[in-house]
């Protein structure tokens, strides 16, 4: 199942409970490894899914959603995270 996350910056977008949980897990994982050598190595979405106990599709959709909110930026095979935005996502439970 693929979600159209093109409107993620729109505050009127309602995310499914499943995607909210997945986004929080992905955000927490990224924050956990922020600044460590583990994050600098190539982490695949499949590896992340296994670590988090969620499907690859939910990791993918979470990253698309986080990208839409400028919490992460993905250029080719490099990811830059915005720690403040990821922390706010965890705090506001969205």
PDB file of N, CA and C in Angstrom:
ATOM      1  N   UNK A   1       0.850  -1.158   0.000  1.00  0.00           N
ATOM      2  CA  UNK A   1       0.000   0.000   0.000  1.00  0.00           C
ATOM      3  C   UNK A   1       0.902   1.230   0.000  1.00  0.00           C
ATOM      4  N   UNK A   2       0.628   2.172  -0.883  1.00  0.00           N
ATOM      5  CA  UNK A   2       1.411   3.391  -1.012  1.00  0.00           C
ATOM      6  C   UNK A   2       0.523   4.582  -0.688  1.00  0.00           C
ATOM      7  N   UNK A   3       1.013   5.506   0.095  1.00  0.00           N
ATOM      8  CA  UNK A   3       0.281   6.709   0.457  1.00  0.00           C
ATOM      9  C   UNK A   3       0.794   7.879  -0.356  1.00  0.00           C
ATOM     10  N   UNK A   4      -0.091   8.769  -0.738  1.00  0.00           N
ATOM     11  CA  UNK A   4       0.319  10.010  -1.380  1.00  0.00           C
ATOM     12  C   UNK A   4       0.605  11.001  -0.266  1.00  0.00           C
ATOM     13  N   UNK A   5       1.878  11.272  -0.040  1.00  0.00           N
ATOM     14  CA  UNK A   5       2.278  12.135   1.054  1.00  0.00           C
ATOM     15  C   UNK A   5       2.674  13.522   0.557  1.00  0.00           C
ATOM     16  N   UNK A   6       2.275  13.878  -0.656  1.00  0.00           N
ATOM     17  CA  UNK A   6       2.676  15.152  -1.231  1.00  0.00           C
ATOM     18  C   UNK A   6       2.148  16.346  -0.444  1.00  0.00           C
ATOM     19  N   UNK A   7       1.095  16.160   0.325  1.00  0.00           N
ATOM     20  CA  UNK A   7       0.510  17.281   1.064  1.00  0.00           C
ATOM     21  C   UNK A   7       0.837  17.232   2.555  1.00  0.00           C
ATOM     22  N   UNK A   8       1.937  16.605   2.921  1.00  0.00           N
ATOM     23  CA  UNK A   8       2.259  16.432   4.339  1.00  0.00           C
ATOM     24  C   UNK A   8       2.416  17.741   5.086  1.00  0.00           C
ATOM     25  N   UNK A   9       2.854  18.780   4.417  1.00  0.00           N
ATOM     26  CA  UNK A   9       3.025  20.062   5.098  1.00  0.00           C
ATOM     27  C   UNK A   9       1.676  20.698   5.418  1.00  0.00           C
ATOM     28  N   UNK A  10       0.612  20.197   4.809  1.00  0.00           N
ATOM     29  CA  UNK A  10      -0.725  20.722   5.044  1.00  0.00           C
ATOM     30  C   UNK A  10      -1.211  20.248   6.410  1.00  0.00           C
ATOM     31  N   UNK A  11      -1.510  21.189   7.295  1.00  0.00           N
ATOM     32  CA  UNK A  11      -1.929  20.822   8.646  1.00  0.00           C
ATOM     33  C   UNK A  11      -3.287  20.131   8.657  1.00  0.00           C
ATOM     34  N   UNK A  12      -4.020  20.174   7.555  1.00  0.00           N
ATOM     35  CA  UNK A  12      -5.322  19.524   7.486  1.00  0.00           C
ATOM     36  C   UNK A  12      -5.218  18.043   7.138  1.00  0.00           C
ATOM     37  N   UNK A  13      -4.017  17.583   6.808  1.00  0.00           N
ATOM     38  CA  UNK A  13      -3.827  16.186   6.451  1.00  0.00           C
ATOM     39  C   UNK A  13      -4.017  15.314   7.688  1.00  0.00           C
ATOM     40  N   UNK A  14      -4.830  14.298   7.565  1.00  0.00           N
ATOM     41  CA  UNK A  14      -5.059  13.379   8.663  1.00  0.00           C
ATOM     42  C   UNK A  14      -4.303  12.091   8.367  1.00  0.00           C
ATOM     43  N   UNK A  15      -3.394  11.743   9.250  1.00  0.00           N
ATOM     44  CA  UNK A  15      -2.604  10.535   9.076  1.00  0.00           C
ATOM     45  C   UNK A  15      -3.272   9.383   9.806  1.00  0.00           C
ATOM     46  N   UNK A  16      -3.138   8.192   9.257  1.00  0.00           N
ATOM     47  CA  UNK A  16      -3.685   7.020   9.920  1.00  0.00           C
ATOM     48  C   UNK A  16      -2.925   6.770  11.214  1.00  0.00           C
ATOM     49  N   UNK A  17      -3.567   6.111  12.153  1.00  0.00           N
ATOM     50  CA  UNK A  17      -2.915   5.780  13.420  1.00  0.00           C
ATOM     51  C   UNK A  17      -1.669   4.940  13.182  1.00  0.00           C
ATOM     52  N   UNK A  18      -1.761   4.025  12.227  1.00  0.00           N
ATOM     53  CA  UNK A  18      -0.629   3.152  11.911  1.00  0.00           C
ATOM     54  C   UNK A  18       0.562   3.964  11.411  1.00  0.00           C
ATOM     55  N   UNK A  19       0.312   4.945  10.562  1.00  0.00           N
ATOM     56  CA  UNK A  19       1.403   5.767  10.045  1.00  0.00           C
ATOM     57  C   UNK A  19       1.958   6.678  11.129  1.00  0.00           C
ATOM     58  N   UNK A  20       1.112   7.178  12.022  1.00  0.00           N
ATOM     59  CA  UNK A  20       1.601   8.013  13.127  1.00  0.00           C
ATOM     60  C   UNK A  20       2.565   7.215  13.997  1.00  0.00           C
ATOM     61  N   UNK A  21       2.215   5.986  14.316  1.00  0.00           N
ATOM     62  CA  UNK A  21       3.081   5.129  15.127  1.00  0.00           C
ATOM     63  C   UNK A  21       4.381   4.849  14.386  1.00  0.00           C
ATOM     64  N   UNK A  22       4.294   4.546  13.106  1.00  0.00           N
ATOM     65  CA  UNK A  22       5.492   4.255  12.312  1.00  0.00           C
ATOM     66  C   UNK A  22       6.398   5.477  12.227  1.00  0.00           C
ATOM     67  N   UNK A  23       5.818   6.657  11.997  1.00  0.00           N
ATOM     68  CA  UNK A  23       6.605   7.901  11.924  1.00  0.00           C
ATOM     69  C   UNK A  23       7.346   8.146  13.231  1.00  0.00           C
ATOM     70  N   UNK A  24       6.669   7.918  14.340  1.00  0.00           N
ATOM     71  CA  UNK A  24       7.314   8.112  15.646  1.00  0.00           C
ATOM     72  C   UNK A  24       8.473   7.133  15.821  1.00  0.00           C
ATOM     73  N   UNK A  25       8.281   5.891  15.399  1.00  0.00           N
ATOM     74  CA  UNK A  25       9.347   4.897  15.510  1.00  0.00           C
ATOM     75  C   UNK A  25      10.541   5.281  14.646  1.00  0.00           C
ATOM     76  N   UNK A  26      10.282   5.707  13.428  1.00  0.00           N
ATOM     77  CA  UNK A  26      11.362   6.105  12.520  1.00  0.00           C
ATOM     78  C   UNK A  26      12.064   7.347  13.072  1.00  0.00           C
ATOM     79  N   UNK A  27      11.299   8.329  13.530  1.00  0.00           N
ATOM     80  CA  UNK A  27      11.889   9.547  14.100  1.00  0.00           C
ATOM     81  C   UNK A  27      12.755   9.208  15.307  1.00  0.00           C
ATOM     82  N   UNK A  28      12.266   8.328  16.167  1.00  0.00           N
ATOM     83  CA  UNK A  28      13.020   7.925  17.353  1.00  0.00           C
ATOM     84  C   UNK A  28      14.313   7.204  16.960  1.00  0.00           C
ATOM     85  N   UNK A  29      14.243   6.329  15.972  1.00  0.00           N
ATOM     86  CA  UNK A  29      15.433   5.616  15.501  1.00  0.00           C
ATOM     87  C   UNK A  29      16.464   6.603  14.958  1.00  0.00           C
ATOM     88  N   UNK A  30      16.017   7.547  14.134  1.00  0.00           N
ATOM     89  CA  UNK A  30      16.937   8.538  13.569  1.00  0.00           C
ATOM     90  C   UNK A  30      17.581   9.377  14.664  1.00  0.00           C
ATOM     91  N   UNK A  31      16.798   9.788  15.648  1.00  0.00           N
ATOM     92  CA  UNK A  31      17.342  10.574  16.753  1.00  0.00           C
ATOM     93  C   UNK A  31      18.304   9.755  17.597  1.00  0.00           C
ATOM     94  N   UNK A  32      17.985   8.476  17.788  1.00  0.00           N
ATOM     95  CA  UNK A  32      18.848   7.590  18.582  1.00  0.00           C
ATOM     96  C   UNK A  32      20.243   7.477  17.972  1.00  0.00           C
ATOM     97  N   UNK A  33      20.292   7.378  16.650  1.00  0.00           N
ATOM     98  CA  UNK A  33      21.568   7.192  15.980  1.00  0.00           C
ATOM     99  C   UNK A  33      22.183   8.497  15.469  1.00  0.00           C
ATOM    100  N   UNK A  34      21.537   9.630  15.717  1.00  0.00           N
ATOM    101  CA  UNK A  34      22.042  10.919  15.222  1.00  0.00           C
ATOM    102  C   UNK A  34      23.455  11.166  15.735  1.00  0.00           C
ATOM    103  N   UNK A  35      24.343  11.481  14.810  1.00  0.00           N
ATOM    104  CA  UNK A  35      25.720  11.798  15.174  1.00  0.00           C
ATOM    105  C   UNK A  35      26.599  10.599  15.456  1.00  0.00           C
ATOM    106  N   UNK A  36      26.068   9.403  15.310  1.00  0.00           N
ATOM    107  CA  UNK A  36      26.881   8.208  15.548  1.00  0.00           C
ATOM    108  C   UNK A  36      27.360   7.637  14.219  1.00  0.00           C
ATOM    109  N   UNK A  37      28.340   6.785  14.293  1.00  0.00           N
ATOM    110  CA  UNK A  37      28.853   6.162  13.070  1.00  0.00           C
ATOM    111  C   UNK A  37      27.825   5.219  12.461  1.00  0.00           C
ATOM    112  N   UNK A  38      26.901   4.688  13.280  1.00  0.00           N
ATOM    113  CA  UNK A  38      25.887   3.798  12.737  1.00  0.00           C
ATOM    114  C   UNK A  38      24.986   4.522  11.743  1.00  0.00           C
ATOM    115  N   UNK A  39      24.629   5.775  12.048  1.00  0.00           N
ATOM    116  CA  UNK A  39      23.768   6.521  11.124  1.00  0.00           C
ATOM    117  C   UNK A  39      24.545   6.889   9.866  1.00  0.00           C
ATOM    118  N   UNK A  40      25.848   7.095  10.001  1.00  0.00           N
ATOM    119  CA  UNK A  40      26.655   7.476   8.852  1.00  0.00           C
ATOM    120  C   UNK A  40      26.842   6.316   7.877  1.00  0.00           C
ATOM    121  N   UNK A  41      26.752   5.103   8.360  1.00  0.00           N
ATOM    122  CA  UNK A  41      26.851   3.971   7.436  1.00  0.00           C
ATOM    123  C   UNK A  41      25.532   3.836   6.700  1.00  0.00           C
ATOM    124  N   UNK A  42      25.490   3.021   5.688  1.00  0.00           N
ATOM    125  CA  UNK A  42      24.290   2.892   4.859  1.00  0.00           C
ATOM    126  C   UNK A  42      23.243   2.038   5.570  1.00  0.00           C
ATOM    127  N   UNK A  43      22.214   2.676   6.094  1.00  0.00           N
ATOM    128  CA  UNK A  43      21.073   1.994   6.715  1.00  0.00           C
ATOM    129  C   UNK A  43      19.991   1.866   5.663  1.00  0.00           C
ATOM    130  N   UNK A  44      19.606   0.664   5.321  1.00  0.00           N
ATOM    131  CA  UNK A  44      18.535   0.507   4.336  1.00  0.00           C
ATOM    132  C   UNK A  44      17.186   0.594   5.027  1.00  0.00           C
ATOM    133  N   UNK A  45      16.170   0.859   4.227  1.00  0.00           N
ATOM    134  CA  UNK A  45      14.813   0.889   4.772  1.00  0.00           C
ATOM    135  C   UNK A  45      14.416  -0.497   5.266  1.00  0.00           C
ATOM    136  N   UNK A  46      14.904  -1.536   4.600  1.00  0.00           N
ATOM    137  CA  UNK A  46      14.593  -2.903   5.038  1.00  0.00           C
ATOM    138  C   UNK A  46      15.207  -3.190   6.402  1.00  0.00           C
ATOM    139  N   UNK A  47      16.449  -2.750   6.616  1.00  0.00           N
ATOM    140  CA  UNK A  47      17.086  -2.939   7.920  1.00  0.00           C
ATOM    141  C   UNK A  47      16.332  -2.162   8.998  1.00  0.00           C
ATOM    142  N   UNK A  48      15.945  -0.954   8.671  1.00  0.00           N
ATOM    143  CA  UNK A  48      15.185  -0.138   9.624  1.00  0.00           C
ATOM    144  C   UNK A  48      13.866  -0.807   9.971  1.00  0.00           C
ATOM    145  N   UNK A  49      13.201  -1.372   8.973  1.00  0.00           N
ATOM    146  CA  UNK A  49      11.924  -2.056   9.204  1.00  0.00           C
ATOM    147  C   UNK A  49      12.108  -3.234  10.161  1.00  0.00           C
ATOM    148  N   UNK A  50      13.168  -3.987   9.977  1.00  0.00           N
ATOM    149  CA  UNK A  50      13.434  -5.129  10.854  1.00  0.00           C
ATOM    150  C   UNK A  50      13.709  -4.657  12.276  1.00  0.00           C
ATOM    151  N   UNK A  51      14.548  -3.637  12.416  1.00  0.00           N
ATOM    152  CA  UNK A  51      14.870  -3.096  13.739  1.00  0.00           C
ATOM    153  C   UNK A  51      13.610  -2.609  14.449  1.00  0.00           C
ATOM    154  N   UNK A  52      12.732  -1.925  13.710  1.00  0.00           N
ATOM    155  CA  UNK A  52      11.543  -1.313  14.303  1.00  0.00           C
ATOM    156  C   UNK A  52      10.340  -2.246  14.394  1.00  0.00           C
ATOM    157  N   UNK A  53      10.391  -3.371  13.708  1.00  0.00           N
ATOM    158  CA  UNK A  53       9.267  -4.308  13.736  1.00  0.00           C
ATOM    159  C   UNK A  53       8.067  -3.823  12.951  1.00  0.00           C
ATOM    160  N   UNK A  54       8.340  -3.059  11.879  1.00  0.00           N
ATOM    161  CA  UNK A  54       7.271  -2.579  11.001  1.00  0.00           C
ATOM    162  C   UNK A  54       7.639  -2.936   9.568  1.00  0.00           C
ATOM    163  N   UNK A  55       6.713  -2.766   8.663  1.00  0.00           N
ATOM    164  CA  UNK A  55       6.973  -3.141   7.271  1.00  0.00           C
ATOM    165  C   UNK A  55       7.862  -2.109   6.580  1.00  0.00           C
ATOM    166  N   UNK A  56       8.515  -2.563   5.512  1.00  0.00           N
ATOM    167  CA  UNK A  56       9.333  -1.662   4.697  1.00  0.00           C
ATOM    168  C   UNK A  56       8.465  -0.519   4.172  1.00  0.00           C
ATOM    169  N   UNK A  57       7.239  -0.828   3.756  1.00  0.00           N
ATOM    170  CA  UNK A  57       6.352   0.194   3.210  1.00  0.00           C
ATOM    171  C   UNK A  57       6.055   1.275   4.241  1.00  0.00           C
ATOM    172  N   UNK A  58       5.884   0.906   5.502  1.00  0.00           N
ATOM    173  CA  UNK A  58       5.614   1.903   6.535  1.00  0.00           C
ATOM    174  C   UNK A  58       6.850   2.756   6.809  1.00  0.00           C
ATOM    175  N   UNK A  59       8.036   2.164   6.751  1.00  0.00           N
ATOM    176  CA  UNK A  59       9.266   2.961   6.877  1.00  0.00           C
ATOM    177  C   UNK A  59       9.344   3.943   5.720  1.00  0.00           C
ATOM    178  N   UNK A  60       9.097   3.454   4.517  1.00  0.00           N
ATOM    179  CA  UNK A  60       9.148   4.296   3.327  1.00  0.00           C
ATOM    180  C   UNK A  60       8.138   5.444   3.428  1.00  0.00           C
ATOM    181  N   UNK A  61       6.904   5.128   3.776  1.00  0.00           N
ATOM    182  CA  UNK A  61       5.868   6.157   3.893  1.00  0.00           C
ATOM    183  C   UNK A  61       6.180   7.143   5.017  1.00  0.00           C
ATOM    184  N   UNK A  62       6.770   6.654   6.088  1.00  0.00           N
ATOM    185  CA  UNK A  62       7.161   7.537   7.188  1.00  0.00           C
ATOM    186  C   UNK A  62       8.239   8.515   6.738  1.00  0.00           C
ATOM    187  N   UNK A  63       9.221   8.012   6.001  1.00  0.00           N
ATOM    188  CA  UNK A  63      10.286   8.885   5.508  1.00  0.00           C
ATOM    189  C   UNK A  63       9.746   9.924   4.523  1.00  0.00           C
ATOM    190  N   UNK A  64       8.819   9.505   3.682  1.00  0.00           N
ATOM    191  CA  UNK A  64       8.189  10.447   2.744  1.00  0.00           C
ATOM    192  C   UNK A  64       7.456  11.528   3.535  1.00  0.00           C
ATOM    193  N   UNK A  65       6.728  11.129   4.567  1.00  0.00           N
ATOM    194  CA  UNK A  65       5.999  12.071   5.406  1.00  0.00           C
ATOM    195  C   UNK A  65       6.958  13.009   6.127  1.00  0.00           C
ATOM    196  N   UNK A  66       8.022  12.464   6.705  1.00  0.00           N
ATOM    197  CA  UNK A  66       9.005  13.278   7.420  1.00  0.00           C
ATOM    198  C   UNK A  66       9.717  14.234   6.468  1.00  0.00           C
ATOM    199  N   UNK A  67       9.962  13.768   5.268  1.00  0.00           N
ATOM    200  CA  UNK A  67      10.575  14.628   4.248  1.00  0.00           C
ATOM    201  C   UNK A  67       9.640  15.783   3.900  1.00  0.00           C
ATOM    202  N   UNK A  68       8.358  15.506   3.788  1.00  0.00           N
ATOM    203  CA  UNK A  68       7.375  16.532   3.485  1.00  0.00           C
ATOM    204  C   UNK A  68       7.296  17.610   4.553  1.00  0.00           C
ATOM    205  N   UNK A  69       7.665  17.274   5.784  1.00  0.00           N
ATOM    206  CA  UNK A  69       7.664  18.230   6.888  1.00  0.00           C
ATOM    207  C   UNK A  69       9.041  18.838   7.120  1.00  0.00           C
ATOM    208  N   UNK A  70       9.973  18.544   6.235  1.00  0.00           N
ATOM    209  CA  UNK A  70      11.359  19.028   6.337  1.00  0.00           C
ATOM    210  C   UNK A  70      12.068  18.533   7.592  1.00  0.00           C
ATOM    211  N   UNK A  71      11.623  17.402   8.130  1.00  0.00           N
ATOM    212  CA  UNK A  71      12.295  16.803   9.277  1.00  0.00           C
ATOM    213  C   UNK A  71      13.510  15.995   8.817  1.00  0.00           C
ATOM    214  N   UNK A  72      13.468  15.527   7.577  1.00  0.00           N
ATOM    215  CA  UNK A  72      14.616  14.855   6.958  1.00  0.00           C
ATOM    216  C   UNK A  72      14.752  15.363   5.529  1.00  0.00           C
ATOM    217  N   UNK A  73      15.965  15.327   5.044  1.00  0.00           N
ATOM    218  CA  UNK A  73      16.219  15.638   3.642  1.00  0.00           C
ATOM    219  C   UNK A  73      17.026  14.471   3.086  1.00  0.00           C
ATOM    220  N   UNK A  74      16.568  13.978   1.950  1.00  0.00           N
ATOM    221  CA  UNK A  74      17.227  12.825   1.340  1.00  0.00           C
ATOM    222  C   UNK A  74      17.707  13.239  -0.048  1.00  0.00           C
ATOM    223  N   UNK A  75      19.021  13.231  -0.231  1.00  0.00           N
ATOM    224  CA  UNK A  75      19.641  13.552  -1.504  1.00  0.00           C
ATOM    225  C   UNK A  75      20.458  12.339  -1.932  1.00  0.00           C
ATOM    226  N   UNK A  76      19.994  11.716  -3.002  1.00  0.00           N
ATOM    227  CA  UNK A  76      20.610  10.471  -3.476  1.00  0.00           C
ATOM    228  C   UNK A  76      20.659   9.473  -2.354  1.00  0.00           C
ATOM    229  N   UNK A  77      21.839   9.166  -1.839  1.00  0.00           N
ATOM    230  CA  UNK A  77      21.949   8.172  -0.762  1.00  0.00           C
ATOM    231  C   UNK A  77      22.381   8.815   0.557  1.00  0.00           C
ATOM    232  N   UNK A  78      22.167  10.116   0.685  1.00  0.00           N
ATOM    233  CA  UNK A  78      22.552  10.826   1.902  1.00  0.00           C
ATOM    234  C   UNK A  78      21.320  11.420   2.564  1.00  0.00           C
ATOM    235  N   UNK A  79      21.209  11.196   3.862  1.00  0.00           N
ATOM    236  CA  UNK A  79      20.088  11.729   4.618  1.00  0.00           C
ATOM    237  C   UNK A  79      20.605  12.750   5.629  1.00  0.00           C
ATOM    238  N   UNK A  80      19.933  13.886   5.669  1.00  0.00           N
ATOM    239  CA  UNK A  80      20.211  14.912   6.667  1.00  0.00           C
ATOM    240  C   UNK A  80      18.972  15.028   7.529  1.00  0.00           C
ATOM    241  N   UNK A  81      19.174  14.999   8.839  1.00  0.00           N
ATOM    242  CA  UNK A  81      18.022  15.073   9.724  1.00  0.00           C
ATOM    243  C   UNK A  81      17.973  16.432  10.422  1.00  0.00           C
ATOM    244  N   UNK A  82      16.760  16.871  10.704  1.00  0.00           N
ATOM    245  CA  UNK A  82      16.524  18.080  11.473  1.00  0.00           C
ATOM    246  C   UNK A  82      16.075  17.617  12.859  1.00  0.00           C
ATOM    247  N   UNK A  83      17.028  17.596  13.798  1.00  0.00           N
ATOM    248  CA  UNK A  83      16.744  17.051  15.126  1.00  0.00           C
ATOM    249  C   UNK A  83      15.585  17.765  15.808  1.00  0.00           C
ATOM    250  N   UNK A  84      15.516  19.080  15.686  1.00  0.00           N
ATOM    251  CA  UNK A  84      14.441  19.831  16.343  1.00  0.00           C
ATOM    252  C   UNK A  84      13.071  19.400  15.835  1.00  0.00           C
ATOM    253  N   UNK A  85      12.935  19.251  14.525  1.00  0.00           N
ATOM    254  CA  UNK A  85      11.638  18.852  13.964  1.00  0.00           C
ATOM    255  C   UNK A  85      11.291  17.419  14.352  1.00  0.00           C
ATOM    256  N   UNK A  86      12.281  16.536  14.347  1.00  0.00           N
ATOM    257  CA  UNK A  86      12.017  15.152  14.753  1.00  0.00           C
ATOM    258  C   UNK A  86      11.594  15.093  16.222  1.00  0.00           C
ATOM    259  N   UNK A  87      12.249  15.879  17.067  1.00  0.00           N
ATOM    260  CA  UNK A  87      11.887  15.897  18.483  1.00  0.00           C
ATOM    261  C   UNK A  87      10.469  16.432  18.667  1.00  0.00           C
ATOM    262  N   UNK A  88      10.087  17.450  17.894  1.00  0.00           N
ATOM    263  CA  UNK A  88       8.729  17.995  17.987  1.00  0.00           C
ATOM    264  C   UNK A  88       7.697  16.957  17.557  1.00  0.00           C
ATOM    265  N   UNK A  89       8.033  16.163  16.543  1.00  0.00           N
ATOM    266  CA  UNK A  89       7.120  15.109  16.087  1.00  0.00           C
ATOM    267  C   UNK A  89       6.902  14.091  17.220  1.00  0.00           C
ATOM    268  N   UNK A  90       7.958  13.755  17.944  1.00  0.00           N
ATOM    269  CA  UNK A  90       7.818  12.820  19.055  1.00  0.00           C
ATOM    270  C   UNK A  90       7.007  13.428  20.191  1.00  0.00           C
ATOM    271  N   UNK A  91       7.221  14.695  20.463  1.00  0.00           N
ATOM    272  CA  UNK A  91       6.524  15.358  21.570  1.00  0.00           C
ATOM    273  C   UNK A  91       5.043  15.530  21.283  1.00  0.00           C
ATOM    274  N   UNK A  92       4.712  15.967  20.059  1.00  0.00           N
ATOM    275  CA  UNK A  92       3.304  16.257  19.752  1.00  0.00           C
ATOM    276  C   UNK A  92       2.514  15.007  19.393  1.00  0.00           C
ATOM    277  N   UNK A  93       3.193  13.858  19.348  1.00  0.00           N
ATOM    278  CA  UNK A  93       2.528  12.571  19.115  1.00  0.00           C
ATOM    279  C   UNK A  93       1.808  12.524  17.772  1.00  0.00           C
ATOM    280  N   UNK A  94       2.462  13.047  16.729  1.00  0.00           N
ATOM    281  CA  UNK A  94       1.901  12.995  15.367  1.00  0.00           C
ATOM    282  C   UNK A  94       2.881  12.353  14.437  1.00  0.00           C
TER     283      UNK A  94
END
